[in-house]
Protein backbone atom coordinates (compact mmCIF):
# COMPACT_ATOMS: atom_id res chain seq x y z
CA UNK A 1 -29.95 -8.87 17.62
CA UNK A 2 -31.25 -10.93 20.51
CA UNK A 3 -31.07 -14.65 21.14
CA UNK A 4 -34.76 -14.85 20.23
CA UNK A 5 -33.88 -13.85 16.67
CA UNK A 6 -31.83 -16.98 15.99
CA UNK A 7 -33.67 -20.10 17.08
CA UNK A 8 -32.38 -23.66 17.39
CA UNK A 9 -31.75 -25.04 13.89
CA UNK A 10 -34.52 -27.09 12.33
CA UNK A 11 -33.69 -29.39 9.42
CA UNK A 12 -36.37 -30.49 6.94
CA UNK A 13 -36.05 -32.61 3.80
CA UNK A 14 -38.96 -33.13 1.41
CA UNK A 15 -39.53 -34.71 -1.99
CA UNK A 16 -42.63 -33.53 -3.82
CA UNK A 17 -44.24 -34.76 -7.03
CA UNK A 18 -46.77 -32.89 -9.15
CA UNK A 19 -47.07 -29.23 -10.09
CA UNK A 20 -49.86 -28.47 -7.61
CA UNK A 21 -47.96 -29.93 -4.65
CA UNK A 22 -44.75 -28.12 -5.63
CA UNK A 23 -46.52 -24.79 -6.10
CA UNK A 24 -48.32 -25.06 -2.78
CA UNK A 25 -45.09 -25.91 -0.95
CA UNK A 26 -43.03 -23.13 -2.55
CA UNK A 27 -45.82 -20.62 -1.95
CA UNK A 28 -45.90 -21.42 1.77
CA UNK A 29 -42.09 -21.60 2.10
CA UNK A 30 -41.08 -18.43 0.25
CA UNK A 31 -43.96 -16.19 -0.84
CA UNK A 32 -47.17 -16.00 -2.80
CA UNK A 33 -46.44 -17.32 -6.27
CA UNK A 34 -47.96 -18.81 -9.38
CA UNK A 35 -46.03 -21.58 -11.11
CA UNK A 36 -46.18 -23.28 -14.49
CA UNK A 37 -44.47 -26.57 -15.37
CA UNK A 38 -43.82 -27.94 -18.87
CA UNK A 39 -44.47 -31.56 -17.83
CA UNK A 40 -47.34 -33.27 -16.00
CA UNK A 41 -45.43 -34.85 -13.12
CA UNK A 42 -42.46 -32.69 -12.11
CA UNK A 43 -40.58 -33.50 -8.91
CA UNK A 44 -38.75 -31.29 -6.47
CA UNK A 45 -36.41 -32.07 -3.58
CA UNK A 46 -36.00 -29.42 -0.87
CA UNK A 47 -33.55 -29.47 2.03
CA UNK A 48 -33.57 -26.63 4.58
CA UNK A 49 -31.68 -25.76 7.72
CA UNK A 50 -33.65 -22.94 9.32
CA UNK A 51 -32.55 -20.87 12.32
CA UNK A 52 -35.17 -18.15 12.74
CA UNK A 53 -33.89 -15.07 10.93
CA UNK A 54 -32.02 -17.07 8.31
CA UNK A 55 -32.36 -20.33 6.41
CA UNK A 56 -30.02 -22.25 4.14
CA UNK A 57 -31.72 -24.22 1.37
CA UNK A 58 -30.60 -26.80 -1.19
CA UNK A 59 -33.21 -27.42 -3.92
CA UNK A 60 -33.33 -29.60 -7.02
CA UNK A 61 -36.12 -30.09 -9.57
CA UNK A 62 -36.77 -31.98 -12.80
CA UNK A 63 -38.29 -29.62 -15.31
CA UNK A 64 -38.60 -26.05 -16.56
CA UNK A 65 -40.55 -24.00 -14.02
CA UNK A 66 -41.92 -20.50 -14.61
CA UNK A 67 -42.83 -18.32 -11.62
CA UNK A 68 -44.69 -15.08 -10.99
CA UNK A 69 -43.88 -14.15 -7.39
CA UNK A 70 -45.21 -11.52 -5.00
CA UNK A 71 -42.71 -9.44 -2.99
CA UNK A 72 -40.68 -11.74 -0.75
CA UNK A 73 -40.04 -9.25 2.09
CA UNK A 74 -36.83 -11.23 2.57
CA UNK A 75 -33.35 -11.29 1.05
CA UNK A 76 -32.96 -14.43 -1.08
CA UNK A 77 -29.41 -15.02 -2.31
CA UNK A 78 -29.23 -17.80 -4.89
CA UNK A 79 -26.49 -19.76 -6.60
CA UNK A 80 -27.42 -22.29 -9.31
CA UNK A 81 -25.23 -25.37 -9.07
CA UNK A 82 -26.33 -27.38 -12.13
CA UNK A 83 -29.32 -25.41 -13.47
CA UNK A 84 -29.79 -22.20 -15.45
CA UNK A 85 -32.13 -19.39 -14.46
CA UNK A 86 -33.59 -16.18 -15.80
CA UNK A 87 -34.99 -13.49 -13.49
CA UNK A 88 -36.78 -10.20 -14.11
CA UNK A 89 -37.30 -7.72 -11.26
CA UNK A 90 -37.95 -4.07 -12.01
CA UNK A 91 -35.27 -2.99 -14.50
CA UNK A 92 -33.10 -6.03 -13.72
CA UNK A 93 -33.49 -8.83 -16.28
CA UNK A 94 -30.65 -11.31 -16.22
CA UNK A 95 -29.73 -14.88 -17.15
CA UNK A 96 -27.62 -16.96 -14.77
CA UNK A 97 -25.48 -20.04 -15.34
CA UNK A 98 -24.21 -22.64 -12.87
CA UNK A 99 -21.85 -20.99 -10.38
CA UNK A 100 -23.34 -17.49 -10.67
CA UNK A 101 -24.46 -15.69 -7.52
CA UNK A 102 -27.31 -13.19 -7.32
CA UNK A 103 -30.05 -11.73 -5.17
CA UNK A 104 -33.34 -12.99 -6.56
CA UNK A 105 -35.26 -9.73 -6.15
CA UNK A 106 -35.66 -6.50 -4.28
CA UNK A 107 -37.50 -7.57 -1.08
CA UNK A 108 -40.40 -5.21 -1.82
CA UNK A 109 -40.83 -5.88 -5.53
CA UNK A 110 -42.54 -8.73 -7.40
CA UNK A 111 -40.52 -10.69 -9.91
CA UNK A 112 -40.70 -13.40 -12.54
CA UNK A 113 -38.32 -16.30 -12.96
CA UNK A 114 -37.65 -19.26 -15.20
CA UNK A 115 -35.78 -22.12 -13.56
CA UNK A 116 -34.47 -24.87 -15.84
CA UNK A 117 -33.95 -28.41 -14.50
CA UNK A 118 -31.19 -28.78 -11.95
CA UNK A 119 -30.00 -27.91 -8.48
CA UNK A 120 -29.48 -24.62 -6.67
CA UNK A 121 -28.75 -23.29 -3.20
CA UNK A 122 -30.26 -20.29 -1.46
CA UNK A 123 -29.76 -18.32 1.71
CA UNK A 124 -32.85 -16.56 3.06
CA UNK A 125 -32.19 -13.55 5.32
CA UNK A 126 -34.52 -11.34 7.30
CA UNK A 127 -33.93 -7.72 6.11
CA UNK A 128 -34.00 -6.68 9.76
CA UNK A 129 -30.69 -8.48 10.35
CA UNK A 130 -29.06 -6.49 7.55
CA UNK A 131 -30.51 -3.28 8.95
CA UNK A 132 -29.06 -3.98 12.40
CA UNK A 133 -25.65 -4.82 10.97
CA UNK A 134 -25.60 -1.72 8.77
CA UNK A 135 -27.37 0.68 11.15
CA UNK A 136 -25.63 4.02 11.48
CA UNK A 137 -27.98 5.84 13.85
CA UNK A 138 -29.50 3.62 16.56
CA UNK A 139 -32.43 5.24 18.32
CA UNK A 140 -33.47 7.07 15.17
CA UNK A 141 -35.51 5.60 12.36
CA UNK A 142 -32.99 4.48 9.73
CA UNK A 143 -33.55 4.69 6.02
CA UNK A 144 -34.27 1.26 4.50
CA UNK A 145 -31.28 -0.37 2.85
CA UNK A 146 -31.62 -0.46 -0.91
CA UNK A 147 -29.56 -2.76 -3.12
CA UNK A 148 -28.41 -0.78 -6.15
CA UNK A 149 -27.61 -4.00 -8.01
CA UNK A 150 -28.76 -7.57 -7.53
CA UNK A 151 -25.41 -8.90 -8.76
CA UNK A 152 -22.10 -9.02 -6.82
CA UNK A 153 -19.58 -6.20 -7.08
CA UNK A 154 -16.92 -8.66 -8.30
CA UNK A 155 -16.13 -12.34 -8.78
CA UNK A 156 -13.82 -12.41 -5.72
CA UNK A 157 -16.58 -10.87 -3.60
CA UNK A 158 -19.00 -13.55 -4.80
CA UNK A 159 -16.47 -16.27 -3.99
CA UNK A 160 -16.01 -14.86 -0.50
CA UNK A 161 -19.78 -14.79 0.07
CA UNK A 162 -19.95 -18.45 -0.95
CA UNK A 163 -17.18 -19.28 1.53
CA UNK A 164 -19.16 -17.57 4.29
CA UNK A 165 -22.27 -19.56 3.36
CA UNK A 166 -20.32 -22.83 3.43
CA UNK A 167 -18.96 -21.90 6.86
CA UNK A 168 -22.46 -21.02 8.10
CA UNK A 169 -23.79 -24.37 6.84
CA UNK A 170 -21.06 -26.19 8.74
CA UNK A 171 -21.84 -24.30 11.95
CA UNK A 172 -25.62 -24.75 11.97
CA UNK A 173 -25.36 -28.37 10.91
CA UNK A 174 -23.22 -29.26 13.93
CA UNK A 175 -25.23 -29.75 17.14
CA UNK A 176 -22.24 -28.88 19.33
CA UNK A 177 -21.54 -25.54 17.66
CA UNK A 178 -25.18 -24.51 17.09
CA UNK A 179 -25.35 -22.62 20.40
CA UNK A 180 -27.51 -19.45 20.58
CA UNK A 181 -24.58 -17.02 20.53
CA UNK A 182 -23.03 -18.77 17.54
CA UNK A 183 -26.33 -18.82 15.63
CA UNK A 184 -26.82 -15.11 16.21
CA UNK A 185 -23.24 -14.42 15.13
CA UNK A 186 -23.79 -16.56 12.04
CA UNK A 187 -26.82 -14.48 11.06
CA UNK A 188 -24.75 -11.31 11.46
CA UNK A 189 -21.89 -12.85 9.46
CA UNK A 190 -24.22 -13.72 6.55
CA UNK A 191 -25.72 -10.24 6.67
CA UNK A 192 -22.30 -8.55 6.71
CA UNK A 193 -21.10 -10.71 3.81
CA UNK A 194 -24.23 -9.81 1.82
CA UNK A 195 -23.74 -6.07 2.45
CA UNK A 196 -20.11 -6.23 1.30
CA UNK A 197 -20.85 -8.43 -1.72
CA UNK A 198 -23.82 -6.63 -3.27
CA UNK A 199 -23.88 -2.84 -3.93
CA UNK A 200 -26.21 -1.02 -1.53
CA UNK A 201 -26.97 2.31 0.09
CA UNK A 202 -25.71 1.56 3.62
CA UNK A 203 -23.45 4.36 4.88
CA UNK A 204 -20.31 3.74 6.92
CA UNK A 205 -18.19 6.91 6.79
CA UNK A 206 -17.96 8.74 10.15
CA UNK A 207 -19.23 12.31 10.43
CA UNK A 208 -17.90 15.23 12.46
CA UNK A 209 -20.65 14.56 15.03
CA UNK A 210 -19.55 10.93 15.29
CA UNK A 211 -15.99 12.01 16.04
CA UNK A 212 -17.14 14.55 18.63
CA UNK A 213 -19.27 11.95 20.48
CA UNK A 214 -16.48 9.35 20.67
CA UNK A 215 -15.46 10.40 24.19
CA UNK A 216 -14.77 8.27 27.32
CA UNK A 217 -18.19 8.75 28.96
CA UNK A 218 -19.97 7.13 26.01
CA UNK A 219 -17.30 4.45 25.88
CA UNK A 220 -17.91 3.62 29.57
CA UNK A 221 -21.62 3.16 28.90
CA UNK A 222 -20.82 0.80 26.04
CA UNK A 223 -18.35 -1.20 28.13
CA UNK A 224 -20.84 -1.50 31.00
CA UNK A 225 -23.50 -2.78 28.62
CA UNK A 226 -21.14 -5.36 27.12
CA UNK A 227 -19.99 -6.56 30.53
CA UNK A 228 -23.60 -7.02 31.69
CA UNK A 229 -24.89 -8.63 28.50
CA UNK A 230 -22.05 -10.71 27.05
CA UNK A 231 -24.15 -13.86 27.55
CA UNK A 232 -26.77 -12.47 25.13
CA UNK A 233 -26.53 -12.26 21.34
CA UNK A 234 -25.89 -8.52 21.28
CA UNK A 235 -24.85 -6.67 18.15
CA UNK A 236 -22.91 -3.43 17.59
CA UNK A 237 -26.26 -1.72 17.05
CA UNK A 238 -27.45 -2.89 20.50
CA UNK A 239 -24.24 -1.59 22.11
CA UNK A 240 -24.49 1.75 20.33
CA UNK A 241 -28.12 2.16 21.41
CA UNK A 242 -27.19 1.48 25.04
CA UNK A 243 -24.42 4.09 24.82
CA UNK A 244 -26.73 6.61 23.09
CA UNK A 245 -24.39 7.02 20.11
CA UNK A 246 -24.22 5.94 16.49
CA UNK A 247 -22.42 2.78 15.48
CA UNK A 248 -19.76 4.87 13.76
CA UNK A 249 -19.21 6.83 16.98
CA UNK A 250 -18.98 3.56 18.89
CA UNK A 251 -16.34 2.21 16.53
CA UNK A 252 -14.33 5.41 16.76
CA UNK A 253 -14.47 5.43 20.58
CA UNK A 254 -13.18 1.87 20.90
CA UNK A 255 -10.47 2.46 18.34
CA UNK A 256 -9.40 5.78 19.86
CA UNK A 257 -9.35 4.78 23.54
CA UNK A 258 -8.85 0.99 23.60
CA UNK A 259 -7.26 0.28 20.20
CA UNK A 260 -9.87 -2.38 19.46
CA UNK A 261 -13.39 -2.67 18.05
CA UNK A 262 -16.70 -3.17 19.89
CA UNK A 263 -16.84 -6.76 18.68
CA UNK A 264 -13.20 -7.28 19.61
CA UNK A 265 -13.90 -6.12 23.16
CA UNK A 266 -17.03 -8.31 23.33
CA UNK A 267 -14.98 -11.29 22.21
CA UNK A 268 -12.39 -10.55 24.93
CA UNK A 269 -15.12 -10.45 27.60
CA UNK A 270 -16.62 -13.73 26.36
CA UNK A 271 -13.17 -15.33 26.37
CA UNK A 272 -12.84 -14.35 30.02
CA UNK A 273 -16.22 -15.94 30.82
CA UNK A 274 -15.17 -19.12 29.00
CA UNK A 275 -11.95 -19.11 31.06
CA UNK A 276 -13.93 -18.88 34.30
CA UNK A 277 -16.28 -21.66 33.21
CA UNK A 278 -13.33 -23.90 32.36
CA UNK A 279 -11.82 -23.24 35.80
CA UNK A 280 -15.12 -24.12 37.50
CA UNK A 281 -16.02 -27.14 35.33
CA UNK A 282 -15.52 -30.78 36.31
CA UNK A 283 -14.39 -32.92 33.34
CA UNK A 284 -15.56 -36.06 35.13
CA UNK A 285 -19.17 -34.87 34.72
CA UNK A 286 -18.88 -34.59 30.94
CA UNK A 287 -17.82 -30.95 30.61
CA UNK A 288 -15.85 -30.35 27.40
CA UNK A 289 -13.81 -27.50 26.01
CA UNK A 290 -15.89 -27.44 22.82
CA UNK A 291 -19.20 -27.15 24.67
CA UNK A 292 -17.96 -24.35 26.91
CA UNK A 293 -16.41 -22.51 23.96
CA UNK A 294 -19.64 -22.81 21.95
CA UNK A 295 -21.65 -21.51 24.92
CA UNK A 296 -19.66 -18.27 24.68
CA UNK A 297 -19.83 -17.99 20.89
CA UNK A 298 -16.54 -19.63 19.86
CA UNK A 299 -17.27 -22.05 17.04
CA UNK A 300 -13.77 -22.75 15.73
CA UNK A 301 -11.99 -25.01 18.21
CA UNK A 302 -8.45 -24.42 16.93
CA UNK A 303 -8.90 -20.65 16.81
CA UNK A 304 -10.37 -20.63 20.32
CA UNK A 305 -7.45 -22.70 21.61
CA UNK A 306 -4.89 -20.40 20.00
CA UNK A 307 -6.58 -17.26 21.29
CA UNK A 308 -6.96 -18.77 24.76
CA UNK A 309 -3.31 -19.83 24.93
CA UNK A 310 -2.13 -16.39 23.80
CA UNK A 311 -4.22 -14.76 26.55
CA UNK A 312 -3.72 -17.18 29.46
CA UNK A 313 -0.48 -18.98 28.64
CA UNK A 314 -1.99 -22.49 28.73
CA UNK A 315 -4.48 -24.41 26.63
CA UNK A 316 -8.20 -24.66 27.48
CA UNK A 317 -7.87 -28.40 28.05
CA UNK A 318 -5.10 -27.82 30.59
CA UNK A 319 -7.36 -25.40 32.49
CA UNK A 320 -10.22 -27.90 32.40
CA UNK A 321 -8.05 -30.70 33.81
CA UNK A 322 -6.73 -28.67 36.75
């Protein structure tokens, strides 16, 4: 993932009245669709925080809406809050009550849906983000990820996904934490949560070849790439590609030789950059710990402070004041 993938958050809030206006808006926002309403003057309220490869929506409407929708070519994870829904996609035909979590449809299949009056939330993800998070063979053409079920593997997994979405909403809604590195990490976090919540065909078990390739020369290439590109929104797939190995090989190499993970090492390098920026900053010019931490991808102030103190023996604010 690059910083171009996750753009500065854009917030839009609209209230629409009338079936034609609602259908036109939903068609342009999600996909080609045909809609039927059971009343003459339905209304719909739509709130979106969009950040390029992902968007977080909160939608409410007043009537019973029936949809016939073309393939989305996106992952749309939905949770009704006060409404009830029924969706049919391929062999999956399911009714959902308030609090349920589900993927609306296979990205490449059309679907039909009935949405009763009420409110729901959605997260819209670019399938490419999931592919990069799940990639097992960078440099080779990966098989597309297929979801084997559109429902979560368990209630606890669904609850955890919802916690991740709430955390993502908090991050992108805060101007101070919505820095490019944090936005890119948020997209990866949503993708990872989706892959662990919904059954799919992504493979993660290391092979004999992966174990053979996890040697120091490949590790050095990965480290050099991280050191040179820590200021970019790089992913494990990017690091593995630079090292000419699979992601599973990369993970094995870091675990075997450094007792950490690729993302753990990247976080350590970014912490060092934040430390240097704090040393060089002048608090009288408006420099803050939060802004410097966000610049290097640290969104949680208390966690950053604890990690910084463990590493350097003092707090970030003490470094900034020196």
